[in-house]
C-alpha cells in the first residue's frame, strides 16, 4: 500500500489490503501493487495493481 511518494508504504496480505482498503488511507489517491517473495525478500510486481483516484475512480489489474 502506498499513499504518499514521501512516506513509506505498508506490506500486508492481499486479503487484509482489500478488506481494510478504506481504512488504510484517508487521502483521495491510494495505490496498491503486488509483491512476490524472492529468496525471502519482497519484490514489487507492478503489473498487478489497484489504484484509487479522488475516492471516486478505481482501476485494477490483478
Protein backbone atom coordinates (compact mmCIF):
# COMPACT_ATOMS: atom_id res chain seq x y z
CA UNK A 1 0.00 0.00 0.00
CA UNK A 2 1.37 3.38 -0.95
CA UNK A 3 -0.45 6.66 -0.36
CA UNK A 4 2.43 9.13 -0.50
CA UNK A 5 5.63 9.41 -2.51
CA UNK A 6 7.38 10.83 0.55
CA UNK A 7 6.16 8.28 3.14
CA UNK A 8 6.94 4.54 3.43
CA UNK A 9 4.38 2.03 2.23
CA UNK A 10 2.82 -0.91 4.05
CA UNK A 11 3.32 -4.57 3.14
CA UNK A 12 0.33 -6.75 4.02
CA UNK A 13 -1.60 -9.70 2.66
CA UNK A 14 -3.92 -9.14 -0.29
CA UNK A 15 -6.91 -10.17 1.82
CA UNK A 16 -6.07 -7.62 4.53
CA UNK A 17 -5.49 -4.88 1.98
CA UNK A 18 -8.80 -5.44 0.20
CA UNK A 19 -10.76 -5.83 3.45
CA UNK A 20 -9.28 -2.69 5.03
CA UNK A 21 -8.78 -0.67 1.83
CA UNK A 22 -10.75 2.35 3.05
CA UNK A 23 -9.15 2.30 6.50
CA UNK A 24 -5.57 2.27 5.22
CA UNK A 25 -5.58 5.78 3.79
CA UNK A 26 -7.61 8.93 4.21
CA UNK A 27 -6.05 10.51 1.11
CA UNK A 28 -8.03 10.69 -2.13
CA UNK A 29 -5.35 8.72 -4.02
CA UNK A 30 -4.18 5.26 -2.98
CA UNK A 31 -2.02 2.75 -4.83
CA UNK A 32 -1.51 -0.95 -4.21
CA UNK A 33 0.81 -3.22 -6.14
CA UNK A 34 1.52 -6.91 -5.87
CA UNK A 35 4.57 -8.31 -4.10
CA UNK A 36 6.46 -11.53 -4.68
CA UNK A 37 8.91 -13.05 -2.23
CA UNK A 38 12.25 -13.83 -3.89
CA UNK A 39 14.68 -15.57 -1.55
CA UNK A 40 12.59 -14.25 1.36
CA UNK A 41 12.81 -10.63 0.19
CA UNK A 42 9.78 -8.66 -1.07
CA UNK A 43 9.93 -7.56 -4.71
CA UNK A 44 7.22 -5.34 -6.23
CA UNK A 45 5.11 -6.81 -9.02
CA UNK A 46 3.92 -3.57 -10.61
CA UNK A 47 1.84 -5.23 -13.33
CA UNK A 48 -0.66 -6.25 -10.60
CA UNK A 49 -2.11 -3.10 -9.10
CA UNK A 50 -5.13 -1.30 -7.68
CA UNK A 51 -5.35 2.47 -7.97
CA UNK A 52 -7.91 4.76 -6.36
CA UNK A 53 -8.27 8.34 -7.56
CA UNK A 54 -10.25 11.06 -5.81
CA UNK A 55 -12.29 8.47 -3.84
CA UNK A 56 -14.40 8.00 -7.00
CA UNK A 57 -12.36 6.06 -9.59
CA UNK A 58 -10.91 2.60 -9.07
CA UNK A 59 -8.59 0.96 -11.62
CA UNK A 60 -7.25 -2.54 -11.17
CA UNK A 61 -5.26 -5.22 -12.96
CA UNK A 62 -4.96 -8.39 -10.93
